[in-house]
Each structure stands twice: as C-alpha cells, then as structure tokens.
Amino acid sequence: MLTLDQLISEAAALSDADKAILIDQIMASMVTQIDQDTWRESIKQAQERIVTLDRGEVQTIPGEIALAQIRQQFAQ
C-alpha cells in the first residue's frame, strides 16, 4: 500500500482529466457527508473549468507560485 505522500505524488503526475476523475471518485466515496445539490454543482463547475483549461482559455500557474503569492498578500 502507498503512503499518503506517495499517493499524492502519483496523483499529481496524472493528466488534468484523470485528476478530475480521481477527485470525482474520492468525492463519491464521501457522498454521505455532502449535500447532493452541492455535490452536483461542484462537479458541474469542475467540468466547466476542465473544458476552459483544455481550450486554453485560461492559463494556470504552478501551485507553489500561487501559494507564495497568497502568502505574500496575507503578509502585507
């Protein structure tokens, strides 16, 4: 069995489409804890965001850079 760190590393290497499927499966396993309407809306939004990424309509930045920018904003 993989450690949590190994699992995260493996998941990070997946394509965006495969990550969305993984997220969907993980969320489905938690469905008893989540309101169904909220769940459906979250899935819809995630799918819409994947489409915009695939079309090149938005540009992503690495997570480390995003976190550094957020930390910098809160430090001010």
PDB file of N, CA and C in Angstrom:
ATOM      1  N   MET A   1       0.842  -1.173   0.000  1.00  0.00           N
ATOM      2  CA  MET A   1       0.000   0.000   0.000  1.00  0.00           C
ATOM      3  C   MET A   1       0.893   1.244   0.000  1.00  0.00           C
ATOM      4  N   LEU A   2       0.466   2.274  -0.751  1.00  0.00           N
ATOM      5  CA  LEU A   2       1.210   3.517  -0.833  1.00  0.00           C
ATOM      6  C   LEU A   2       1.023   4.354   0.429  1.00  0.00           C
ATOM      7  N   THR A   3       2.049   5.101   0.766  1.00  0.00           N
ATOM      8  CA  THR A   3       1.887   6.079   1.837  1.00  0.00           C
ATOM      9  C   THR A   3       1.088   7.255   1.278  1.00  0.00           C
ATOM     10  N   LEU A   4       0.600   8.117   2.135  1.00  0.00           N
ATOM     11  CA  LEU A   4      -0.145   9.286   1.680  1.00  0.00           C
ATOM     12  C   LEU A   4       0.722  10.158   0.778  1.00  0.00           C
ATOM     13  N   ASP A   5       1.977  10.373   1.145  1.00  0.00           N
ATOM     14  CA  ASP A   5       2.881  11.177   0.324  1.00  0.00           C
ATOM     15  C   ASP A   5       3.083  10.556  -1.053  1.00  0.00           C
ATOM     16  N   GLN A   6       3.222   9.238  -1.103  1.00  0.00           N
ATOM     17  CA  GLN A   6       3.385   8.561  -2.387  1.00  0.00           C
ATOM     18  C   GLN A   6       2.124   8.690  -3.229  1.00  0.00           C
ATOM     19  N   LEU A   7       0.986   8.543  -2.580  1.00  0.00           N
ATOM     20  CA  LEU A   7      -0.285   8.662  -3.283  1.00  0.00           C
ATOM     21  C   LEU A   7      -0.459  10.062  -3.863  1.00  0.00           C
ATOM     22  N   ILE A   8      -0.127  11.072  -3.093  1.00  0.00           N
ATOM     23  CA  ILE A   8      -0.223  12.452  -3.562  1.00  0.00           C
ATOM     24  C   ILE A   8       0.720  12.677  -4.736  1.00  0.00           C
ATOM     25  N   SER A   9       1.917  12.161  -4.645  1.00  0.00           N
ATOM     26  CA  SER A   9       2.885  12.291  -5.727  1.00  0.00           C
ATOM     27  C   SER A   9       2.383  11.629  -7.002  1.00  0.00           C
ATOM     28  N   GLU A  10       1.834  10.441  -6.869  1.00  0.00           N
ATOM     29  CA  GLU A  10       1.281   9.726  -8.027  1.00  0.00           C
ATOM     30  C   GLU A  10       0.107  10.505  -8.622  1.00  0.00           C
ATOM     31  N   ALA A  11      -0.762  11.024  -7.768  1.00  0.00           N
ATOM     32  CA  ALA A  11      -1.927  11.770  -8.246  1.00  0.00           C
ATOM     33  C   ALA A  11      -1.502  13.047  -8.957  1.00  0.00           C
ATOM     34  N   ALA A  12      -0.477  13.702  -8.462  1.00  0.00           N
ATOM     35  CA  ALA A  12       0.000  14.947  -9.070  1.00  0.00           C
ATOM     36  C   ALA A  12       0.531  14.717 -10.480  1.00  0.00           C
ATOM     37  N   ALA A  13       0.985  13.515 -10.766  1.00  0.00           N
ATOM     38  CA  ALA A  13       1.535  13.197 -12.081  1.00  0.00           C
ATOM     39  C   ALA A  13       0.451  12.874 -13.112  1.00  0.00           C
ATOM     40  N   LEU A  14      -0.788  12.759 -12.688  1.00  0.00           N
ATOM     41  CA  LEU A  14      -1.886  12.435 -13.611  1.00  0.00           C
ATOM     42  C   LEU A  14      -2.221  13.621 -14.507  1.00  0.00           C
ATOM     43  N   SER A  15      -2.851  13.325 -15.638  1.00  0.00           N
ATOM     44  CA  SER A  15      -3.356  14.402 -16.502  1.00  0.00           C
ATOM     45  C   SER A  15      -4.512  15.098 -15.781  1.00  0.00           C
ATOM     46  N   ASP A  16      -4.850  16.287 -16.236  1.00  0.00           N
ATOM     47  CA  ASP A  16      -5.951  17.020 -15.608  1.00  0.00           C
ATOM     48  C   ASP A  16      -7.251  16.224 -15.684  1.00  0.00           C
ATOM     49  N   ALA A  17      -7.483  15.575 -16.801  1.00  0.00           N
ATOM     50  CA  ALA A  17      -8.715  14.789 -16.951  1.00  0.00           C
ATOM     51  C   ALA A  17      -8.740  13.629 -15.961  1.00  0.00           C
ATOM     52  N   ASP A  18      -7.605  12.944 -15.807  1.00  0.00           N
ATOM     53  CA  ASP A  18      -7.550  11.835 -14.857  1.00  0.00           C
ATOM     54  C   ASP A  18      -7.658  12.332 -13.417  1.00  0.00           C
ATOM     55  N   LYS A  19      -7.101  13.507 -13.136  1.00  0.00           N
ATOM     56  CA  LYS A  19      -7.248  14.083 -11.795  1.00  0.00           C
ATOM     57  C   LYS A  19      -8.714  14.360 -11.491  1.00  0.00           C
ATOM     58  N   ALA A  20      -9.445  14.862 -12.487  1.00  0.00           N
ATOM     59  CA  ALA A  20     -10.868  15.145 -12.293  1.00  0.00           C
ATOM     60  C   ALA A  20     -11.633  13.859 -11.990  1.00  0.00           C
ATOM     61  N   ILE A  21     -11.289  12.788 -12.688  1.00  0.00           N
ATOM     62  CA  ILE A  21     -11.937  11.503 -12.435  1.00  0.00           C
ATOM     63  C   ILE A  21     -11.610  11.018 -11.032  1.00  0.00           C
ATOM     64  N   LEU A  22     -10.350  11.150 -10.634  1.00  0.00           N
ATOM     65  CA  LEU A  22      -9.937  10.739  -9.292  1.00  0.00           C
ATOM     66  C   LEU A  22     -10.684  11.539  -8.229  1.00  0.00           C
ATOM     67  N   ILE A  23     -10.757  12.838  -8.423  1.00  0.00           N
ATOM     68  CA  ILE A  23     -11.484  13.687  -7.478  1.00  0.00           C
ATOM     69  C   ILE A  23     -12.941  13.264  -7.400  1.00  0.00           C
ATOM     70  N   ASP A  24     -13.526  13.000  -8.554  1.00  0.00           N
ATOM     71  CA  ASP A  24     -14.913  12.566  -8.598  1.00  0.00           C
ATOM     72  C   ASP A  24     -15.114  11.279  -7.802  1.00  0.00           C
ATOM     73  N   GLN A  25     -14.206  10.344  -7.953  1.00  0.00           N
ATOM     74  CA  GLN A  25     -14.318   9.072  -7.247  1.00  0.00           C
ATOM     75  C   GLN A  25     -14.132   9.250  -5.739  1.00  0.00           C
ATOM     76  N   ILE A  26     -13.190  10.083  -5.360  1.00  0.00           N
ATOM     77  CA  ILE A  26     -12.968  10.336  -3.934  1.00  0.00           C
ATOM     78  C   ILE A  26     -14.189  11.020  -3.330  1.00  0.00           C
ATOM     79  N   MET A  27     -14.713  12.020  -4.040  1.00  0.00           N
ATOM     80  CA  MET A  27     -15.889  12.726  -3.540  1.00  0.00           C
ATOM     81  C   MET A  27     -17.085  11.782  -3.459  1.00  0.00           C
ATOM     82  N   ALA A  28     -17.218  10.898  -4.422  1.00  0.00           N
ATOM     83  CA  ALA A  28     -18.331   9.945  -4.402  1.00  0.00           C
ATOM     84  C   ALA A  28     -18.245   9.046  -3.182  1.00  0.00           C
ATOM     85  N   SER A  29     -17.020   8.736  -2.763  1.00  0.00           N
ATOM     86  CA  SER A  29     -16.870   7.889  -1.581  1.00  0.00           C
ATOM     87  C   SER A  29     -17.256   8.629  -0.307  1.00  0.00           C
ATOM     88  N   MET A  30     -17.359   9.945  -0.400  1.00  0.00           N
ATOM     89  CA  MET A  30     -17.721  10.765   0.750  1.00  0.00           C
ATOM     90  C   MET A  30     -19.144  11.304   0.640  1.00  0.00           C
ATOM     91  N   VAL A  31     -19.891  10.822  -0.335  1.00  0.00           N
ATOM     92  CA  VAL A  31     -21.178  11.412  -0.677  1.00  0.00           C
ATOM     93  C   VAL A  31     -22.155  11.464   0.494  1.00  0.00           C
ATOM     94  N   THR A  32     -22.049  10.583   1.439  1.00  0.00           N
ATOM     95  CA  THR A  32     -22.976  10.628   2.564  1.00  0.00           C
ATOM     96  C   THR A  32     -22.753  11.861   3.425  1.00  0.00           C
ATOM     97  N   GLN A  33     -21.600  12.484   3.287  1.00  0.00           N
ATOM     98  CA  GLN A  33     -21.288  13.660   4.096  1.00  0.00           C
ATOM     99  C   GLN A  33     -21.581  14.965   3.366  1.00  0.00           C
ATOM    100  N   ILE A  34     -21.944  14.885   2.108  1.00  0.00           N
ATOM    101  CA  ILE A  34     -22.096  16.087   1.291  1.00  0.00           C
ATOM    102  C   ILE A  34     -23.523  16.184   0.750  1.00  0.00           C
ATOM    103  N   ASP A  35     -24.097  17.348   0.831  1.00  0.00           N
ATOM    104  CA  ASP A  35     -25.420  17.590   0.271  1.00  0.00           C
ATOM    105  C   ASP A  35     -25.395  17.316  -1.235  1.00  0.00           C
ATOM    106  N   GLN A  36     -26.381  16.590  -1.730  1.00  0.00           N
ATOM    107  CA  GLN A  36     -26.413  16.188  -3.137  1.00  0.00           C
ATOM    108  C   GLN A  36     -26.418  17.377  -4.101  1.00  0.00           C
ATOM    109  N   ASP A  37     -27.153  18.430  -3.792  1.00  0.00           N
ATOM    110  CA  ASP A  37     -27.184  19.592  -4.682  1.00  0.00           C
ATOM    111  C   ASP A  37     -25.823  20.265  -4.748  1.00  0.00           C
ATOM    112  N   THR A  38     -25.176  20.391  -3.608  1.00  0.00           N
ATOM    113  CA  THR A  38     -23.839  20.978  -3.564  1.00  0.00           C
ATOM    114  C   THR A  38     -22.869  20.119  -4.354  1.00  0.00           C
ATOM    115  N   TRP A  39     -22.997  18.811  -4.191  1.00  0.00           N
ATOM    116  CA  TRP A  39     -22.148  17.857  -4.908  1.00  0.00           C
ATOM    117  C   TRP A  39     -22.299  18.026  -6.416  1.00  0.00           C
ATOM    118  N   ARG A  40     -23.528  18.067  -6.898  1.00  0.00           N
ATOM    119  CA  ARG A  40     -23.777  18.190  -8.338  1.00  0.00           C
ATOM    120  C   ARG A  40     -23.229  19.512  -8.878  1.00  0.00           C
ATOM    121  N   GLU A  41     -23.435  20.582  -8.149  1.00  0.00           N
ATOM    122  CA  GLU A  41     -22.936  21.890  -8.578  1.00  0.00           C
ATOM    123  C   GLU A  41     -21.412  21.907  -8.618  1.00  0.00           C
ATOM    124  N   SER A  42     -20.782  21.298  -7.645  1.00  0.00           N
ATOM    125  CA  SER A  42     -19.316  21.231  -7.617  1.00  0.00           C
ATOM    126  C   SER A  42     -18.780  20.461  -8.815  1.00  0.00           C
ATOM    127  N   ILE A  43     -19.410  19.355  -9.146  1.00  0.00           N
ATOM    128  CA  ILE A  43     -18.995  18.555 -10.298  1.00  0.00           C
ATOM    129  C   ILE A  43     -19.174  19.354 -11.583  1.00  0.00           C
ATOM    130  N   LYS A  44     -20.292  20.039 -11.701  1.00  0.00           N
ATOM    131  CA  LYS A  44     -20.560  20.857 -12.890  1.00  0.00           C
ATOM    132  C   LYS A  44     -19.493  21.931 -13.051  1.00  0.00           C
ATOM    133  N   GLN A  45     -19.154  22.613 -11.967  1.00  0.00           N
ATOM    134  CA  GLN A  45     -18.134  23.652 -12.021  1.00  0.00           C
ATOM    135  C   GLN A  45     -16.769  23.079 -12.378  1.00  0.00           C
ATOM    136  N   ALA A  46     -16.433  21.935 -11.810  1.00  0.00           N
ATOM    137  CA  ALA A  46     -15.147  21.308 -12.116  1.00  0.00           C
ATOM    138  C   ALA A  46     -15.065  20.931 -13.590  1.00  0.00           C
ATOM    139  N   GLN A  47     -16.143  20.383 -14.123  1.00  0.00           N
ATOM    140  CA  GLN A  47     -16.158  20.009 -15.531  1.00  0.00           C
ATOM    141  C   GLN A  47     -16.031  21.232 -16.428  1.00  0.00           C
ATOM    142  N   GLU A  48     -16.702  22.310 -16.074  1.00  0.00           N
ATOM    143  CA  GLU A  48     -16.605  23.546 -16.853  1.00  0.00           C
ATOM    144  C   GLU A  48     -15.181  24.108 -16.815  1.00  0.00           C
ATOM    145  N   ARG A  49     -14.541  24.023 -15.673  1.00  0.00           N
ATOM    146  CA  ARG A  49     -13.173  24.522 -15.551  1.00  0.00           C
ATOM    147  C   ARG A  49     -12.201  23.677 -16.368  1.00  0.00           C
ATOM    148  N   ILE A  50     -12.422  22.376 -16.395  1.00  0.00           N
ATOM    149  CA  ILE A  50     -11.564  21.495 -17.201  1.00  0.00           C
ATOM    150  C   ILE A  50     -11.693  21.849 -18.675  1.00  0.00           C
ATOM    151  N   VAL A  51     -12.918  22.111 -19.124  1.00  0.00           N
ATOM    152  CA  VAL A  51     -13.140  22.483 -20.525  1.00  0.00           C
ATOM    153  C   VAL A  51     -12.391  23.772 -20.851  1.00  0.00           C
ATOM    154  N   THR A  52     -12.472  24.775 -19.979  1.00  0.00           N
ATOM    155  CA  THR A  52     -11.775  26.035 -20.250  1.00  0.00           C
ATOM    156  C   THR A  52     -10.263  25.830 -20.264  1.00  0.00           C
ATOM    157  N   LEU A  53      -9.757  24.945 -19.408  1.00  0.00           N
ATOM    158  CA  LEU A  53      -8.329  24.630 -19.432  1.00  0.00           C
ATOM    159  C   LEU A  53      -7.949  23.937 -20.724  1.00  0.00           C
ATOM    160  N   ASP A  54      -8.730  22.953 -21.125  1.00  0.00           N
ATOM    161  CA  ASP A  54      -8.446  22.207 -22.350  1.00  0.00           C
ATOM    162  C   ASP A  54      -8.476  23.104 -23.589  1.00  0.00           C
ATOM    163  N   ARG A  55      -9.347  24.103 -23.588  1.00  0.00           N
ATOM    164  CA  ARG A  55      -9.452  25.036 -24.713  1.00  0.00           C
ATOM    165  C   ARG A  55      -8.344  26.091 -24.692  1.00  0.00           C
ATOM    166  N   GLY A  56      -7.616  26.175 -23.604  1.00  0.00           N
ATOM    167  CA  GLY A  56      -6.574  27.184 -23.481  1.00  0.00           C
ATOM    168  C   GLY A  56      -7.119  28.562 -23.163  1.00  0.00           C
ATOM    169  N   GLU A  57      -8.339  28.629 -22.648  1.00  0.00           N
ATOM    170  CA  GLU A  57      -8.974  29.910 -22.343  1.00  0.00           C
ATOM    171  C   GLU A  57      -8.424  30.543 -21.073  1.00  0.00           C
ATOM    172  N   VAL A  58      -7.836  29.761 -20.235  1.00  0.00           N
ATOM    173  CA  VAL A  58      -7.203  30.271 -19.019  1.00  0.00           C
ATOM    174  C   VAL A  58      -5.802  29.692 -18.926  1.00  0.00           C
ATOM    175  N   GLN A  59      -4.964  30.410 -18.236  1.00  0.00           N
ATOM    176  CA  GLN A  59      -3.597  29.949 -18.066  1.00  0.00           C
ATOM    177  C   GLN A  59      -3.386  29.594 -16.602  1.00  0.00           C
ATOM    178  N   THR A  60      -2.802  28.441 -16.362  1.00  0.00           N
ATOM    179  CA  THR A  60      -2.556  28.010 -14.998  1.00  0.00           C
ATOM    180  C   THR A  60      -1.164  28.437 -14.559  1.00  0.00           C
ATOM    181  N   ILE A  61      -0.984  28.458 -13.246  1.00  0.00           N
ATOM    182  CA  ILE A  61       0.346  28.682 -12.689  1.00  0.00           C
ATOM    183  C   ILE A  61       0.615  27.542 -11.716  1.00  0.00           C
ATOM    184  N   PRO A  62       1.888  27.213 -11.531  1.00  0.00           N
ATOM    185  CA  PRO A  62       2.201  26.138 -10.596  1.00  0.00           C
ATOM    186  C   PRO A  62       1.695  26.458  -9.183  1.00  0.00           C
ATOM    187  N   GLY A  63       1.281  25.440  -8.474  1.00  0.00           N
ATOM    188  CA  GLY A  63       0.743  25.598  -7.134  1.00  0.00           C
ATOM    189  C   GLY A  63       1.680  26.300  -6.179  1.00  0.00           C
ATOM    190  N   GLU A  64       2.973  26.013  -6.306  1.00  0.00           N
ATOM    191  CA  GLU A  64       3.952  26.648  -5.407  1.00  0.00           C
ATOM    192  C   GLU A  64       3.952  28.160  -5.586  1.00  0.00           C
ATOM    193  N   ILE A  65       3.822  28.603  -6.832  1.00  0.00           N
ATOM    194  CA  ILE A  65       3.811  30.040  -7.105  1.00  0.00           C
ATOM    195  C   ILE A  65       2.519  30.667  -6.574  1.00  0.00           C
ATOM    196  N   ALA A  66       1.393  29.992  -6.789  1.00  0.00           N
ATOM    197  CA  ALA A  66       0.115  30.501  -6.292  1.00  0.00           C
ATOM    198  C   ALA A  66       0.145  30.637  -4.772  1.00  0.00           C
ATOM    199  N   LEU A  67       0.649  29.614  -4.089  1.00  0.00           N
ATOM    200  CA  LEU A  67       0.728  29.674  -2.627  1.00  0.00           C
ATOM    201  C   LEU A  67       1.664  30.783  -2.160  1.00  0.00           C
ATOM    202  N   ALA A  68       2.769  30.969  -2.851  1.00  0.00           N
ATOM    203  CA  ALA A  68       3.703  32.045  -2.486  1.00  0.00           C
ATOM    204  C   ALA A  68       3.028  33.406  -2.641  1.00  0.00           C
ATOM    205  N   GLN A  69       2.247  33.587  -3.709  1.00  0.00           N
ATOM    206  CA  GLN A  69       1.542  34.847  -3.919  1.00  0.00           C
ATOM    207  C   GLN A  69       0.498  35.085  -2.833  1.00  0.00           C
ATOM    208  N   ILE A  70      -0.213  34.042  -2.456  1.00  0.00           N
ATOM    209  CA  ILE A  70      -1.219  34.169  -1.397  1.00  0.00           C
ATOM    210  C   ILE A  70      -0.555  34.515  -0.077  1.00  0.00           C
ATOM    211  N   ARG A  71       0.531  33.816   0.241  1.00  0.00           N
ATOM    212  CA  ARG A  71       1.251  34.107   1.495  1.00  0.00           C
ATOM    213  C   ARG A  71       1.751  35.538   1.519  1.00  0.00           C
ATOM    214  N   GLN A  72       2.246  36.011   0.368  1.00  0.00           N
ATOM    215  CA  GLN A  72       2.746  37.376   0.289  1.00  0.00           C
ATOM    216  C   GLN A  72       1.619  38.384   0.519  1.00  0.00           C
ATOM    217  N   GLN A  73       0.447  38.133  -0.049  1.00  0.00           N
ATOM    218  CA  GLN A  73      -0.673  39.036   0.132  1.00  0.00           C
ATOM    219  C   GLN A  73      -1.120  39.098   1.588  1.00  0.00           C
ATOM    220  N   PHE A  74      -1.144  37.950   2.260  1.00  0.00           N
ATOM    221  CA  PHE A  74      -1.571  37.937   3.659  1.00  0.00           C
ATOM    222  C   PHE A  74      -0.510  38.509   4.595  1.00  0.00           C
ATOM    223  N   ALA A  75       0.717  38.522   4.171  1.00  0.00           N
ATOM    224  CA  ALA A  75       1.797  39.064   4.990  1.00  0.00           C
ATOM    225  C   ALA A  75       1.781  40.590   4.995  1.00  0.00           C
ATOM    226  N   GLN A  76       1.140  41.169   4.006  1.00  0.00           N
ATOM    227  CA  GLN A  76       1.141  42.645   3.882  1.00  0.00           C
ATOM    228  C   GLN A  76       0.190  43.289   4.837  1.00  0.00           C
TER     229      GLN A  76
END
